[in-house]
Amino acid sequence: MKRMYLFPGQGAQYPGMGIDFWKRSARVQELFQRASSIARMDLYKILAEGTEEELKSTQTAQVVITLVNLSVAEALRERGIRPDGVAGFSLGEYAALAEAGILSVEDTFRLVQVRGTLMEQVSRKWDRPEGPAGMAAVIGLEAYRIEEALAGLEEVFPANYNSPLQTVVSGTARGLALAEERLKKAGAKRVIRLKVSGPFHSPLLQEAREKFEAELEKVVWKDPRIPLYSNVTGKRISNGMEAKRLAGEQIVSPVRWTTVEQEIEREGYEEILETGPGTVLTGLWKAFCTDPVCIPVGKWEELEKLHLK
């Protein structure tokens, strides 16, 4: 049976996530210690005591979500469960890079912390008196109609192609407000602001990309041990050098998640696990495909109930 891990990204965070794994696994506790040392933060305390607002900060969220993603993968590994392929949504791609052996765990945490800091800094440059830059999910409208509705608008862009009838757009507060008017006139059922702190996966973060690419040169990029599917292309990443290039592009490029899902289905994966907090990717997979189902394992109780073929 071919098994796929899907790692969630920013927006999946919630207070207390991952603590149930920490309580039950010495290897997860060790991972928390390694990540805390690299990040120079007490990540256990942040997750155990932090508020939803504190976890929303991009600088914090990117480290703790990656930690919980890799903690769940570690707990699965303790039970003899390993993936045959991996993919991650936006930030989640870094847990996939580590699980595929492209990046070391240490370099993964270093990069996501720098990535989060740069994205937060550049995002704040796009805040305006009318509000902060951010993202909004467009529900009930095909992607091509969203692209048509946004044509000619400045400071707002398609950012995440999540499902046939859900696309996320990124922009300044003014851009998002203008887009919402057009999108509703075009037939969108809802336009929902997301709990993220920047206009991610859009050209507005070009400065962050340029600075981050300098950081990418400081770590070792190995060829993947198992297939990993890129957010930027939706296709397999063939080698470490390609992975490094795409890591820079990913900051300003849309997440082509529907293409990733199509590749996973085409290549015959029979077990799909959402390996991290929340059930966002489970829901997106269900909107795309009902057989096989995607199973969330981001809580210890979900892991205990897991019965794989």
Protein backbone atom coordinates (compact mmCIF):
# COMPACT_ATOMS: atom_id res chain seq x y z
CA MET A 1 0.00 0.00 0.00
CA LYS A 2 1.38 3.41 -0.98
CA ARG A 3 1.08 5.93 1.86
CA MET A 4 1.11 9.73 1.51
CA TYR A 5 1.71 12.27 4.27
CA LEU A 6 0.14 15.71 3.84
CA PHE A 7 1.59 18.36 6.16
CA PRO A 8 -0.62 21.39 6.95
CA GLY A 9 0.57 24.98 6.85
CA GLN A 10 0.00 28.29 8.56
CA GLY A 11 -3.55 28.84 9.72
CA ALA A 12 -3.83 25.32 11.12
CA GLN A 13 -2.36 26.35 14.49
CA TYR A 14 -4.27 26.37 17.76
CA PRO A 15 -3.27 26.67 21.44
CA GLY A 16 -2.15 23.38 22.98
CA MET A 17 -1.48 21.57 19.71
CA GLY A 18 1.20 18.90 19.91
CA ILE A 19 1.31 18.79 23.72
CA ASP A 20 -0.51 15.44 23.76
CA PHE A 21 2.34 13.98 21.65
CA TRP A 22 4.96 15.58 23.92
CA LYS A 23 3.39 13.93 26.98
CA ARG A 24 3.54 10.45 25.46
CA SER A 25 6.78 10.33 23.47
CA ALA A 26 10.36 10.82 24.64
CA ARG A 27 11.43 11.23 21.01
CA VAL A 28 8.92 14.04 20.54
CA GLN A 29 10.23 15.67 23.73
CA GLU A 30 13.74 15.50 22.27
CA LEU A 31 12.47 17.09 19.05
CA PHE A 32 10.89 19.92 21.09
CA GLN A 33 14.24 20.50 22.80
CA ARG A 34 16.18 20.58 19.52
CA ALA A 35 13.71 22.98 17.93
CA SER A 36 13.63 25.23 21.02
CA SER A 37 17.42 25.42 21.05
CA ILE A 38 17.56 26.40 17.38
CA ALA A 39 14.69 28.90 17.63
CA ARG A 40 15.91 30.22 21.00
CA MET A 41 12.37 30.01 22.31
CA ASP A 42 10.64 27.72 24.81
CA LEU A 43 8.34 26.09 22.27
CA TYR A 44 6.69 23.85 24.85
CA LYS A 45 5.67 26.90 26.87
CA ILE A 46 4.46 28.73 23.77
CA LEU A 47 2.27 25.79 22.75
CA ALA A 48 1.07 24.92 26.24
CA GLU A 49 0.36 28.49 27.39
CA GLY A 50 0.22 30.68 24.29
CA THR A 51 -3.00 32.32 23.13
CA GLU A 52 -4.49 32.06 19.67
CA GLU A 53 -3.39 35.64 18.98
CA GLU A 54 0.20 34.88 20.03
CA LEU A 55 0.31 31.84 17.77
CA LYS A 56 -0.97 33.89 14.83
CA SER A 57 2.33 35.76 14.52
CA THR A 58 4.09 34.47 11.43
CA GLN A 59 7.45 34.36 13.21
CA THR A 60 6.04 32.04 15.88
CA ALA A 61 3.51 30.13 13.82
CA GLN A 62 5.97 28.86 11.23
CA VAL A 63 8.25 27.29 13.85
CA VAL A 64 5.54 25.71 16.01
CA ILE A 65 3.50 24.31 13.12
CA THR A 66 6.62 22.73 11.66
CA LEU A 67 7.44 21.31 15.09
CA VAL A 68 4.01 19.74 15.47
CA ASN A 69 4.04 18.40 11.91
CA LEU A 70 7.36 16.67 12.52
CA SER A 71 6.26 15.52 15.99
CA VAL A 72 3.30 13.68 14.49
CA ALA A 73 5.57 12.11 11.86
CA GLU A 74 7.96 11.05 14.66
CA ALA A 75 5.13 9.47 16.63
CA LEU A 76 4.04 7.56 13.53
CA ARG A 77 7.63 6.43 12.98
CA GLU A 78 7.73 5.07 16.54
CA ARG A 79 4.82 2.85 15.54
CA GLY A 80 6.62 1.63 12.44
CA ILE A 81 4.60 3.82 10.07
CA ARG A 82 6.48 5.67 7.33
CA PRO A 83 5.39 7.50 4.17
CA ASP A 84 6.02 6.49 0.56
CA GLY A 85 5.49 10.08 -0.56
CA VAL A 86 5.02 13.52 1.03
CA ALA A 87 3.58 16.92 0.30
CA GLY A 88 3.01 19.98 2.42
CA PHE A 89 0.73 22.96 2.06
CA SER A 90 2.76 26.19 1.96
CA LEU A 91 4.76 26.15 5.22
CA GLY A 92 3.93 22.44 5.48
CA GLU A 93 6.28 21.83 2.59
CA TYR A 94 9.21 22.28 4.98
CA ALA A 95 8.15 19.32 7.11
CA ALA A 96 7.87 17.40 3.82
CA LEU A 97 11.40 18.49 2.86
CA ALA A 98 12.68 17.11 6.16
CA GLU A 99 10.68 13.88 5.95
CA ALA A 100 11.93 13.30 2.40
CA GLY A 101 15.53 13.74 3.57
CA ILE A 102 16.17 16.84 1.45
CA LEU A 103 16.82 18.99 4.52
CA SER A 104 18.10 18.05 7.95
CA VAL A 105 15.71 18.66 10.82
CA GLU A 106 18.04 21.34 12.18
CA ASP A 107 18.23 23.20 8.87
CA THR A 108 14.46 22.91 8.50
CA PHE A 109 13.86 24.75 11.77
CA ARG A 110 16.50 27.36 10.95
CA LEU A 111 14.94 28.07 7.58
CA VAL A 112 11.33 28.28 8.74
CA GLN A 113 12.29 30.70 11.49
CA VAL A 114 14.10 32.96 9.03
CA ARG A 115 11.29 32.54 6.50
CA GLY A 116 8.69 33.52 9.08
CA THR A 117 10.67 36.57 10.21
CA LEU A 118 11.21 37.83 6.66
CA MET A 119 7.60 37.26 5.64
CA GLU A 120 6.37 39.09 8.74
CA GLN A 121 8.70 42.04 8.19
CA VAL A 122 7.81 42.47 4.52
CA SER A 123 4.09 41.91 5.16
CA ARG A 124 4.03 44.82 7.60
CA LYS A 125 5.31 47.11 4.84
CA TRP A 126 2.00 46.51 3.05
CA ASP A 127 -0.20 47.44 6.01
CA ARG A 128 -2.28 50.56 5.47
CA PRO A 129 -4.45 52.83 7.66
CA GLU A 130 -7.50 50.86 6.51
CA GLY A 131 -6.04 47.62 7.84
CA PRO A 132 -3.27 45.00 7.62
CA ALA A 133 -2.41 43.00 4.53
CA GLY A 134 -3.67 39.43 4.55
CA MET A 135 -5.55 36.67 2.77
CA ALA A 136 -9.16 35.68 2.12
CA ALA A 137 -10.77 32.42 1.03
CA VAL A 138 -13.20 32.65 -1.87
CA ILE A 139 -15.90 29.97 -1.63
CA GLY A 140 -18.14 28.70 -4.41
CA LEU A 141 -16.44 30.22 -7.46
CA GLU A 142 -14.23 28.54 -10.04
CA ALA A 143 -10.58 29.61 -10.15
CA TYR A 144 -10.75 31.00 -13.69
CA ARG A 145 -13.70 33.23 -12.73
CA ILE A 146 -11.74 34.52 -9.74
CA GLU A 147 -8.82 35.35 -12.01
CA GLU A 148 -11.20 37.19 -14.33
CA ALA A 149 -12.73 39.15 -11.43
CA LEU A 150 -9.31 40.23 -10.17
CA ALA A 151 -8.09 41.38 -13.57
CA GLY A 152 -6.98 45.02 -13.43
CA LEU A 153 -6.97 45.22 -9.64
CA GLU A 154 -3.74 46.23 -7.93
CA GLU A 155 -2.34 44.71 -4.74
CA VAL A 156 -4.47 41.53 -4.78
CA PHE A 157 -3.59 38.15 -6.35
CA PRO A 158 -4.71 34.48 -6.44
CA ALA A 159 -2.54 32.74 -3.85
CA ASN A 160 -3.80 29.21 -3.06
CA TYR A 161 -5.66 26.94 -5.47
CA ASN A 162 -7.22 24.81 -2.74
CA SER A 163 -10.09 22.98 -4.41
CA PRO A 164 -12.35 23.29 -7.47
CA LEU A 165 -14.56 25.77 -5.60
CA GLN A 166 -12.14 27.32 -3.10
CA THR A 167 -9.30 29.68 -3.94
CA VAL A 168 -7.46 31.98 -1.55
CA VAL A 169 -6.42 35.48 -2.58
CA SER A 170 -3.69 37.66 -1.04
CA GLY A 171 -3.44 41.43 -0.89
CA THR A 172 -3.48 44.68 0.98
CA ALA A 173 -6.57 45.58 3.02
CA ARG A 174 -7.78 47.86 0.23
CA GLY A 175 -7.07 45.26 -2.43
CA LEU A 176 -8.96 42.58 -0.54
CA ALA A 177 -11.94 44.90 0.04
CA LEU A 178 -12.19 45.76 -3.65
CA ALA A 179 -11.74 42.11 -4.58
CA GLU A 180 -14.52 41.04 -2.23
CA GLU A 181 -16.99 43.35 -3.99
CA ARG A 182 -16.06 42.01 -7.41
CA LEU A 183 -15.98 38.37 -6.31
CA LYS A 184 -19.45 38.51 -4.78
CA LYS A 185 -20.81 40.14 -7.94
CA ALA A 186 -19.18 37.31 -9.91
CA GLY A 187 -21.08 34.74 -7.85
CA ALA A 188 -18.86 33.83 -4.89
CA LYS A 189 -20.91 32.40 -2.02
CA ARG A 190 -18.58 33.74 0.66
CA VAL A 191 -15.29 35.61 1.02
CA ILE A 192 -13.70 34.79 4.38
CA ARG A 193 -10.67 36.57 5.87
CA LEU A 194 -8.09 34.08 7.15
CA LYS A 195 -6.16 34.09 10.43
CA VAL A 196 -2.80 34.77 8.83
CA SER A 197 -0.74 37.93 9.13
CA GLY A 198 0.40 38.65 5.59
CA PRO A 199 -0.29 38.54 1.82
CA PHE A 200 1.50 35.24 1.35
CA HIS A 201 2.26 33.56 -1.98
CA SER A 202 1.97 36.80 -3.89
CA PRO A 203 4.34 39.26 -5.61
CA LEU A 204 3.93 41.56 -2.59
CA LEU A 205 6.55 39.39 -0.82
CA GLN A 206 9.25 39.69 -3.48
CA GLU A 207 11.60 41.40 -1.03
CA ALA A 208 11.24 38.46 1.38
CA ARG A 209 12.00 36.04 -1.44
CA GLU A 210 15.20 37.84 -2.39
CA LYS A 211 16.49 37.88 1.18
CA PHE A 212 15.42 34.29 1.82
CA GLU A 213 17.24 33.00 -1.25
CA ALA A 214 20.50 34.12 0.36
CA GLU A 215 19.64 31.95 3.38
CA LEU A 216 18.92 28.95 1.15
CA GLU A 217 22.57 28.98 0.06
CA LYS A 218 23.70 28.34 3.64
CA VAL A 219 22.23 24.84 4.01
CA VAL A 220 22.78 21.46 2.34
CA TRP A 221 20.09 20.33 -0.10
CA LYS A 222 20.08 16.57 -0.72
CA ASP A 223 18.15 14.60 -3.31
CA PRO A 224 14.80 13.24 -2.03
CA ARG A 225 14.63 9.72 -0.59
CA ILE A 226 10.93 9.52 -1.41
CA PRO A 227 8.69 11.51 -3.78
CA LEU A 228 7.87 15.06 -2.72
CA TYR A 229 5.31 17.15 -4.65
CA SER A 230 5.99 20.87 -5.07
CA ASN A 231 3.54 23.66 -4.25
CA VAL A 232 4.91 25.74 -7.13
CA THR A 233 4.54 23.14 -9.90
CA GLY A 234 2.31 20.46 -8.39
CA LYS A 235 4.84 17.91 -9.67
CA ARG A 236 7.57 15.81 -8.09
CA ILE A 237 10.78 17.53 -7.05
CA SER A 238 13.57 15.68 -8.83
CA ASN A 239 16.66 16.75 -6.89
CA GLY A 240 18.03 18.95 -4.14
CA MET A 241 18.98 21.84 -6.39
CA GLU A 242 15.44 22.02 -7.75
CA ALA A 243 14.11 21.93 -4.19
CA LYS A 244 16.29 24.92 -3.26
CA ARG A 245 15.15 26.94 -6.28
CA LEU A 246 11.48 26.19 -5.63
CA ALA A 247 11.80 27.13 -1.95
CA GLY A 248 12.55 30.69 -3.04
CA GLU A 249 9.86 30.76 -5.70
CA GLN A 250 7.26 29.38 -3.29
CA ILE A 251 7.17 32.61 -1.27
CA VAL A 252 5.76 34.61 -4.20
CA SER A 253 4.03 31.83 -6.19
CA PRO A 254 0.51 30.43 -5.77
CA VAL A 255 0.13 27.10 -3.97
CA ARG A 256 -1.17 24.76 -6.67
CA TRP A 257 -2.72 22.30 -4.25
CA THR A 258 -5.31 20.97 -6.66
CA THR A 259 -2.48 19.98 -9.00
CA VAL A 260 -0.65 18.28 -6.12
CA GLU A 261 -3.80 16.31 -5.32
CA GLN A 262 -4.19 15.27 -8.95
CA GLU A 263 -0.62 13.95 -9.00
CA ILE A 264 -1.15 12.03 -5.75
CA GLU A 265 -4.26 10.38 -7.16
CA ARG A 266 -2.62 9.69 -10.53
CA GLU A 267 0.36 8.01 -8.91
CA GLY A 268 -1.82 5.62 -6.95
CA TYR A 269 -1.41 6.49 -3.27
CA GLU A 270 -3.89 4.42 -1.30
CA GLU A 271 -3.50 5.80 2.23
CA ILE A 272 -3.55 9.55 2.84
CA LEU A 273 -2.71 10.98 6.27
CA GLU A 274 -2.97 14.61 7.32
CA THR A 275 0.15 14.64 9.46
CA GLY A 276 -0.17 17.72 11.65
CA PRO A 277 -2.67 20.00 13.39
CA GLY A 278 -6.24 20.48 12.21
CA THR A 279 -8.27 18.98 9.40
CA VAL A 280 -7.94 21.60 6.65
CA LEU A 281 -6.20 19.28 4.21
CA THR A 282 -8.61 16.46 5.01
CA GLY A 283 -11.44 18.75 3.96
CA LEU A 284 -9.68 19.85 0.78
CA TRP A 285 -8.95 16.23 -0.14
CA LYS A 286 -12.60 15.30 0.42
CA ALA A 287 -13.65 18.10 -1.95
CA PHE A 288 -11.31 16.61 -4.54
CA CYS A 289 -11.56 12.85 -3.98
CA THR A 290 -13.60 10.50 -1.77
CA ASP A 291 -11.64 7.28 -2.34
CA PRO A 292 -9.24 6.93 -0.68
CA VAL A 293 -10.21 9.20 2.20
CA CYS A 294 -7.70 11.45 3.95
CA ILE A 295 -7.33 10.61 7.66
CA PRO A 296 -6.30 13.32 10.16
CA VAL A 297 -3.76 12.22 12.77
CA GLY A 298 -2.87 15.57 14.37
CA LYS A 299 -4.09 14.51 17.82
CA TRP A 300 -2.92 11.57 19.91
CA GLU A 301 -6.44 10.17 20.13
CA GLU A 302 -6.63 10.18 16.33
CA LEU A 303 -3.31 8.35 16.12
CA GLU A 304 -4.52 5.69 18.57
CA LYS A 305 -7.61 5.06 16.44
CA LEU A 306 -5.55 4.71 13.28
CA HIS A 307 -6.02 1.37 11.53
CA LEU A 308 -3.99 1.21 8.35
CA LYS A 309 -4.25 -1.50 5.74
